[in-house]
Amino acid sequence: MGTLQYNNKEHKFLEKVISYDDRLAPLFIRNTLYSLIPEGTKHIYVVGIGSNLISGDSLGPFVGTLLRNTYPNHLTVLGNLEYPMDATTIVPEISRHAFPKNSFVISIDSVLGSVDFVNSIVLRRGPMKPGLGLGQNLPPIGDCSVMGVVLTNDAVLGSGLLYTNLHLIYTMATNIAKGISLAVRQFFHYPSDQPLLHVI
């Protein structure tokens, strides 16, 4: 659970703000990610940050589950609903994975933000700073951050996160997963009829 910081200094890093239920959200996410992936990238990693025990913090694991086993030659997913990357596991798990040269890392997490951004998906150039919303100091992760703004900064976390609408989380997760899948499919020239998600 991070916090979306938005001020004049950081404005230039915000690439796209998308309503969580926009029917074109996957295409907007694909276009933005495709523009951020450097030429020569050989592999993409998705780090789904969050908990499988708290609905408001489950966005990252949901996306990880939806993308698992999709394009295995070019996409590796760390963090899903079965094996989440939460505050207790993220440091040891990331330390076990040395991201190779010519890879691109996309971090995904639920975040708190201003009322203007609640129920939005925000893409940002640069790493995710997980745990800020819960007062934790965890290392930054990723070359690009995909954030689902689920609550305002002044929300009462004890109850707000536990009772976050799962329809909101699932819709965000599905749109993000489809957008990432479309970006991978386009970047690595997979055929257009390749399935976007591999859900069992």
C-alpha atoms as a PDB file:
ATOM      1  CA  MET A   1       0.000   0.000   0.000  1.00  0.00           C
ATOM      2  CA  GLY A   2       1.670   3.132  -1.221  1.00  0.00           C
ATOM      3  CA  THR A   3       0.748   6.791  -1.359  1.00  0.00           C
ATOM      4  CA  LEU A   4       0.280   8.754  -4.564  1.00  0.00           C
ATOM      5  CA  GLN A   5       2.334  11.918  -4.179  1.00  0.00           C
ATOM      6  CA  TYR A   6       1.250  14.609  -6.614  1.00  0.00           C
ATOM      7  CA  ASN A   7       2.840  18.019  -6.613  1.00  0.00           C
ATOM      8  CA  ASN A   8       4.511  20.323  -9.111  1.00  0.00           C
ATOM      9  CA  LYS A   9       7.825  18.524  -8.711  1.00  0.00           C
ATOM     10  CA  GLU A  10       6.358  15.112  -9.443  1.00  0.00           C
ATOM     11  CA  HIS A  11       3.808  16.148 -12.064  1.00  0.00           C
ATOM     12  CA  LYS A  12       6.206  15.378 -14.906  1.00  0.00           C
ATOM     13  CA  PHE A  13       6.460  11.740 -13.798  1.00  0.00           C
ATOM     14  CA  LEU A  14       2.717  11.057 -14.074  1.00  0.00           C
ATOM     15  CA  GLU A  15       2.201   9.541 -17.493  1.00  0.00           C
ATOM     16  CA  LYS A  16      -1.505   8.674 -17.480  1.00  0.00           C
ATOM     17  CA  VAL A  17      -4.553   8.820 -15.196  1.00  0.00           C
ATOM     18  CA  ILE A  18      -7.409   6.479 -16.194  1.00  0.00           C
ATOM     19  CA  SER A  19     -10.817   5.854 -14.642  1.00  0.00           C
ATOM     20  CA  TYR A  20     -10.847   2.322 -13.218  1.00  0.00           C
ATOM     21  CA  ASP A  21     -13.912   1.298 -15.271  1.00  0.00           C
ATOM     22  CA  ASP A  22     -13.138   3.064 -18.557  1.00  0.00           C
ATOM     23  CA  ARG A  23     -13.850   0.519 -21.271  1.00  0.00           C
ATOM     24  CA  LEU A  24     -10.718   1.688 -23.097  1.00  0.00           C
ATOM     25  CA  ALA A  25      -8.514   1.431 -19.982  1.00  0.00           C
ATOM     26  CA  PRO A  26      -6.540  -1.617 -21.233  1.00  0.00           C
ATOM     27  CA  LEU A  27      -5.685   0.223 -24.463  1.00  0.00           C
ATOM     28  CA  PHE A  28      -4.623   3.388 -22.610  1.00  0.00           C
ATOM     29  CA  ILE A  29      -2.436   1.266 -20.303  1.00  0.00           C
ATOM     30  CA  ARG A  30      -0.927  -0.589 -23.259  1.00  0.00           C
ATOM     31  CA  ASN A  31      -0.103   2.629 -25.105  1.00  0.00           C
ATOM     32  CA  THR A  32       1.503   4.222 -22.052  1.00  0.00           C
ATOM     33  CA  LEU A  33       3.548   1.170 -21.115  1.00  0.00           C
ATOM     34  CA  TYR A  34       4.646   0.614 -24.703  1.00  0.00           C
ATOM     35  CA  SER A  35       5.975   4.172 -24.797  1.00  0.00           C
ATOM     36  CA  LEU A  36       7.951   3.586 -21.586  1.00  0.00           C
ATOM     37  CA  ILE A  37       9.570   0.216 -22.416  1.00  0.00           C
ATOM     38  CA  PRO A  38      13.074   0.923 -23.728  1.00  0.00           C
ATOM     39  CA  GLU A  39      14.120  -0.395 -27.099  1.00  0.00           C
ATOM     40  CA  GLY A  40      16.230  -3.534 -26.655  1.00  0.00           C
ATOM     41  CA  THR A  41      14.289  -4.820 -23.633  1.00  0.00           C
ATOM     42  CA  LYS A  42      14.489  -8.621 -23.594  1.00  0.00           C
ATOM     43  CA  HIS A  43      12.226  -9.450 -20.661  1.00  0.00           C
ATOM     44  CA  ILE A  44       9.496  -7.788 -18.609  1.00  0.00           C
ATOM     45  CA  TYR A  45       8.896  -8.409 -14.906  1.00  0.00           C
ATOM     46  CA  VAL A  46       5.667  -7.593 -13.122  1.00  0.00           C
ATOM     47  CA  VAL A  47       5.881  -7.192  -9.342  1.00  0.00           C
ATOM     48  CA  GLY A  48       2.416  -7.422  -7.788  1.00  0.00           C
ATOM     49  CA  ILE A  49       2.752  -5.788  -4.375  1.00  0.00           C
ATOM     50  CA  GLY A  50       0.157  -6.264  -1.651  1.00  0.00           C
ATOM     51  CA  SER A  51      -1.691  -8.661   0.607  1.00  0.00           C
ATOM     52  CA  ASN A  52      -4.159 -11.465  -0.085  1.00  0.00           C
ATOM     53  CA  LEU A  53      -5.767 -10.865   3.329  1.00  0.00           C
ATOM     54  CA  ILE A  54      -6.899  -7.236   2.946  1.00  0.00           C
ATOM     55  CA  SER A  55      -9.235  -6.444   0.049  1.00  0.00           C
ATOM     56  CA  GLY A  56      -8.015  -2.858  -0.356  1.00  0.00           C
ATOM     57  CA  ASP A  57      -4.398  -4.017  -0.590  1.00  0.00           C
ATOM     58  CA  SER A  58      -4.975  -6.962  -2.946  1.00  0.00           C
ATOM     59  CA  LEU A  59      -4.674  -5.197  -6.313  1.00  0.00           C
ATOM     60  CA  GLY A  60      -1.069  -6.254  -6.993  1.00  0.00           C
ATOM     61  CA  PRO A  61      -1.661  -9.942  -6.141  1.00  0.00           C
ATOM     62  CA  PHE A  62      -4.850  -9.946  -8.254  1.00  0.00           C
ATOM     63  CA  VAL A  63      -2.939  -8.648 -11.271  1.00  0.00           C
ATOM     64  CA  GLY A  64      -0.190 -11.214 -10.648  1.00  0.00           C
ATOM     65  CA  THR A  65      -2.705 -14.057 -10.637  1.00  0.00           C
ATOM     66  CA  LEU A  66      -4.369 -12.856 -13.841  1.00  0.00           C
ATOM     67  CA  LEU A  67      -1.003 -12.602 -15.642  1.00  0.00           C
ATOM     68  CA  ARG A  68       0.565 -15.799 -14.324  1.00  0.00           C
ATOM     69  CA  ASN A  69       1.703 -18.140 -17.127  1.00  0.00           C
ATOM     70  CA  THR A  70       1.053 -15.494 -19.805  1.00  0.00           C
ATOM     71  CA  TYR A  71       3.886 -15.089 -22.360  1.00  0.00           C
ATOM     72  CA  PRO A  72       6.349 -17.067 -20.174  1.00  0.00           C
ATOM     73  CA  ASN A  73       9.233 -16.454 -22.600  1.00  0.00           C
ATOM     74  CA  HIS A  74       9.025 -12.695 -22.124  1.00  0.00           C
ATOM     75  CA  LEU A  75       7.035 -12.046 -18.936  1.00  0.00           C
ATOM     76  CA  THR A  76       7.771 -13.094 -15.339  1.00  0.00           C
ATOM     77  CA  VAL A  77       5.319 -12.343 -12.544  1.00  0.00           C
ATOM     78  CA  LEU A  78       6.398 -11.956  -8.913  1.00  0.00           C
ATOM     79  CA  GLY A  79       3.545 -11.769  -6.408  1.00  0.00           C
ATOM     80  CA  ASN A  80       0.073 -13.249  -6.791  1.00  0.00           C
ATOM     81  CA  LEU A  81      -2.882 -14.253  -4.632  1.00  0.00           C
ATOM     82  CA  GLU A  82      -1.269 -17.564  -3.731  1.00  0.00           C
ATOM     83  CA  TYR A  83       2.173 -16.136  -2.973  1.00  0.00           C
ATOM     84  CA  PRO A  84       1.745 -12.400  -2.292  1.00  0.00           C
ATOM     85  CA  MET A  85       4.555  -9.876  -2.097  1.00  0.00           C
ATOM     86  CA  ASP A  86       3.515  -8.187   1.143  1.00  0.00           C
ATOM     87  CA  ALA A  87       5.458  -6.229   3.759  1.00  0.00           C
ATOM     88  CA  THR A  88       6.921  -9.420   5.272  1.00  0.00           C
ATOM     89  CA  THR A  89       7.957 -11.126   2.021  1.00  0.00           C
ATOM     90  CA  ILE A  90       8.829  -8.361  -0.425  1.00  0.00           C
ATOM     91  CA  VAL A  91      12.421  -7.684   0.708  1.00  0.00           C
ATOM     92  CA  PRO A  92      13.584 -11.335   0.783  1.00  0.00           C
ATOM     93  CA  GLU A  93      11.764 -12.132  -2.470  1.00  0.00           C
ATOM     94  CA  ILE A  94      13.172  -9.171  -4.386  1.00  0.00           C
ATOM     95  CA  SER A  95      16.667  -9.850  -3.048  1.00  0.00           C
ATOM     96  CA  ARG A  96      16.431 -13.355  -4.534  1.00  0.00           C
ATOM     97  CA  HIS A  97      15.697 -11.968  -7.993  1.00  0.00           C
ATOM     98  CA  ALA A  98      18.474 -10.036  -9.657  1.00  0.00           C
ATOM     99  CA  PHE A  99      16.738  -8.366 -12.564  1.00  0.00           C
ATOM    100  CA  PRO A 100      19.020  -8.914 -15.546  1.00  0.00           C
ATOM    101  CA  LYS A 101      20.272  -6.231 -17.873  1.00  0.00           C
ATOM    102  CA  ASN A 102      17.835  -5.384 -20.654  1.00  0.00           C
ATOM    103  CA  SER A 103      14.820  -6.121 -18.462  1.00  0.00           C
ATOM    104  CA  PHE A 104      11.953  -3.780 -17.591  1.00  0.00           C
ATOM    105  CA  VAL A 105      10.197  -3.974 -14.226  1.00  0.00           C
ATOM    106  CA  ILE A 106       6.564  -2.896 -13.751  1.00  0.00           C
ATOM    107  CA  SER A 107       5.457  -2.519 -10.123  1.00  0.00           C
ATOM    108  CA  ILE A 108       1.771  -2.640  -9.208  1.00  0.00           C
ATOM    109  CA  ASP A 109       0.193  -1.648  -5.903  1.00  0.00           C
ATOM    110  CA  SER A 110      -2.895  -0.148  -4.305  1.00  0.00           C
ATOM    111  CA  VAL A 111      -2.282   3.401  -3.128  1.00  0.00           C
ATOM    112  CA  LEU A 112      -3.901   6.214  -1.183  1.00  0.00           C
ATOM    113  CA  GLY A 113      -4.371   9.517  -2.990  1.00  0.00           C
ATOM    114  CA  SER A 114      -6.278  12.767  -3.126  1.00  0.00           C
ATOM    115  CA  VAL A 115     -10.017  12.665  -3.739  1.00  0.00           C
ATOM    116  CA  ASP A 116      -9.385  13.713  -7.363  1.00  0.00           C
ATOM    117  CA  PHE A 117      -7.577  10.443  -8.041  1.00  0.00           C
ATOM    118  CA  VAL A 118      -9.687   7.923  -6.079  1.00  0.00           C
ATOM    119  CA  ASN A 119     -11.006   5.110  -8.312  1.00  0.00           C
ATOM    120  CA  SER A 120      -8.313   5.845 -10.905  1.00  0.00           C
ATOM    121  CA  ILE A 121      -5.451   3.842 -12.338  1.00  0.00           C
ATOM    122  CA  VAL A 122      -2.303   5.975 -12.454  1.00  0.00           C
ATOM    123  CA  LEU A 123       0.803   5.108 -14.472  1.00  0.00           C
ATOM    124  CA  ARG A 124       4.049   6.735 -13.522  1.00  0.00           C
ATOM    125  CA  ARG A 125       7.594   6.589 -14.804  1.00  0.00           C
ATOM    126  CA  GLY A 126       9.950   5.426 -12.059  1.00  0.00           C
ATOM    127  CA  PRO A 127       9.837   3.024  -9.124  1.00  0.00           C
ATOM    128  CA  MET A 128       7.053   2.224  -6.703  1.00  0.00           C
ATOM    129  CA  LYS A 129       7.651   3.059  -3.057  1.00  0.00           C
ATOM    130  CA  PRO A 130       5.621   0.337  -1.339  1.00  0.00           C
ATOM    131  CA  GLY A 131       4.430   0.641   2.233  1.00  0.00           C
ATOM    132  CA  LEU A 132       4.317   4.455   2.395  1.00  0.00           C
ATOM    133  CA  GLY A 133       0.570   4.444   2.970  1.00  0.00           C
ATOM    134  CA  LEU A 134       1.034   2.218   6.024  1.00  0.00           C
ATOM    135  CA  GLY A 135       4.090   4.023   7.375  1.00  0.00           C
ATOM    136  CA  GLN A 136       6.588   1.374   6.267  1.00  0.00           C
ATOM    137  CA  ASN A 137      10.014   2.043   4.826  1.00  0.00           C
ATOM    138  CA  LEU A 138      10.545  -0.483   2.029  1.00  0.00           C
ATOM    139  CA  PRO A 139      12.978  -0.228  -0.895  1.00  0.00           C
ATOM    140  CA  PRO A 140      11.709   1.318  -4.152  1.00  0.00           C
ATOM    141  CA  ILE A 141      10.932  -1.212  -6.881  1.00  0.00           C
ATOM    142  CA  GLY A 142      10.538  -0.978 -10.634  1.00  0.00           C
ATOM    143  CA  ASP A 143      11.166   1.108 -13.715  1.00  0.00           C
ATOM    144  CA  CYS A 144       7.476   1.991 -13.960  1.00  0.00           C
ATOM    145  CA  SER A 145       4.639   2.110 -11.407  1.00  0.00           C
ATOM    146  CA  VAL A 146       1.015   1.191 -12.005  1.00  0.00           C
ATOM    147  CA  MET A 147      -1.093   2.384  -9.083  1.00  0.00           C
ATOM    148  CA  GLY A 148      -4.725   1.793  -8.251  1.00  0.00           C
ATOM    149  CA  VAL A 149      -5.961   4.665  -6.082  1.00  0.00           C
ATOM    150  CA  VAL A 150      -8.465   2.949  -3.784  1.00  0.00           C
ATOM    151  CA  LEU A 151      -8.877   5.391  -0.872  1.00  0.00           C
ATOM    152  CA  THR A 152      -8.120   8.973   0.094  1.00  0.00           C
ATOM    153  CA  ASN A 153      -5.021   9.835   2.122  1.00  0.00           C
ATOM    154  CA  ASP A 154      -7.145  10.666   5.137  1.00  0.00           C
ATOM    155  CA  ALA A 155      -9.044   7.355   5.115  1.00  0.00           C
ATOM    156  CA  VAL A 156      -9.308   5.402   8.360  1.00  0.00           C
ATOM    157  CA  LEU A 157      -7.035   2.542   7.306  1.00  0.00           C
ATOM    158  CA  GLY A 158      -8.190   0.080   9.936  1.00  0.00           C
ATOM    159  CA  SER A 159     -11.623  -0.253   8.371  1.00  0.00           C
ATOM    160  CA  GLY A 160     -11.279   1.368   4.951  1.00  0.00           C
ATOM    161  CA  LEU A 161      -8.807  -1.124   3.533  1.00  0.00           C
ATOM    162  CA  LEU A 162     -10.626  -4.134   4.948  1.00  0.00           C
ATOM    163  CA  TYR A 163     -13.926  -3.124   3.389  1.00  0.00           C
ATOM    164  CA  THR A 164     -12.767  -1.779   0.057  1.00  0.00           C
ATOM    165  CA  ASN A 165     -15.195  -2.732  -2.707  1.00  0.00           C
ATOM    166  CA  LEU A 166     -13.913  -5.916  -4.370  1.00  0.00           C
ATOM    167  CA  HIS A 167     -15.652  -4.982  -7.614  1.00  0.00           C
ATOM    168  CA  LEU A 168     -13.404  -1.906  -7.750  1.00  0.00           C
ATOM    169  CA  ILE A 169     -10.286  -4.001  -7.069  1.00  0.00           C
ATOM    170  CA  TYR A 170     -11.211  -6.737  -9.542  1.00  0.00           C
ATOM    171  CA  THR A 171     -12.125  -4.277 -12.309  1.00  0.00           C
ATOM    172  CA  MET A 172      -8.876  -2.364 -11.796  1.00  0.00           C
ATOM    173  CA  ALA A 173      -6.876  -5.598 -11.738  1.00  0.00           C
ATOM    174  CA  THR A 174      -8.490  -6.948 -14.908  1.00  0.00           C
ATOM    175  CA  ASN A 175      -7.922  -3.718 -16.828  1.00  0.00           C
ATOM    176  CA  ILE A 176      -4.302  -3.461 -15.659  1.00  0.00           C
ATOM    177  CA  ALA A 177      -3.577  -7.112 -16.474  1.00  0.00           C
ATOM    178  CA  LYS A 178      -5.106  -6.776 -19.942  1.00  0.00           C
ATOM    179  CA  GLY A 179      -3.169  -3.561 -20.576  1.00  0.00           C
ATOM    180  CA  ILE A 180       0.146  -5.156 -19.571  1.00  0.00           C
ATOM    181  CA  SER A 181      -0.622  -8.231 -21.658  1.00  0.00           C
ATOM    182  CA  LEU A 182      -1.412  -6.073 -24.689  1.00  0.00           C
ATOM    183  CA  ALA A 183       1.844  -4.158 -24.224  1.00  0.00           C
ATOM    184  CA  VAL A 184       3.877  -7.372 -23.992  1.00  0.00           C
ATOM    185  CA  ARG A 185       2.080  -8.828 -27.023  1.00  0.00           C
ATOM    186  CA  GLN A 186       2.795  -5.734 -29.088  1.00  0.00           C
ATOM    187  CA  PHE A 187       6.371  -5.171 -27.901  1.00  0.00           C
ATOM    188  CA  PHE A 188       7.480  -8.771 -28.540  1.00  0.00           C
ATOM    189  CA  HIS A 189       5.429  -9.160 -31.737  1.00  0.00           C
ATOM    190  CA  TYR A 190       3.122 -11.960 -30.661  1.00  0.00           C
ATOM    191  CA  PRO A 191       0.227 -12.691 -33.039  1.00  0.00           C
ATOM    192  CA  SER A 192      -2.904 -10.635 -32.405  1.00  0.00           C
ATOM    193  CA  ASP A 193      -4.962 -13.761 -31.651  1.00  0.00           C
ATOM    194  CA  GLN A 194      -2.661 -14.714 -28.729  1.00  0.00           C
ATOM    195  CA  PRO A 195      -4.809 -14.941 -25.535  1.00  0.00           C
ATOM    196  CA  LEU A 196      -4.402 -11.881 -23.303  1.00  0.00           C
ATOM    197  CA  LEU A 197      -4.793 -13.694 -19.982  1.00  0.00           C
ATOM    198  CA  HIS A 198      -4.183 -17.310 -19.042  1.00  0.00           C
ATOM    199  CA  VAL A 199      -6.739 -17.884 -16.302  1.00  0.00           C
ATOM    200  CA  ILE A 200      -7.485 -21.429 -15.107  1.00  0.00           C
END
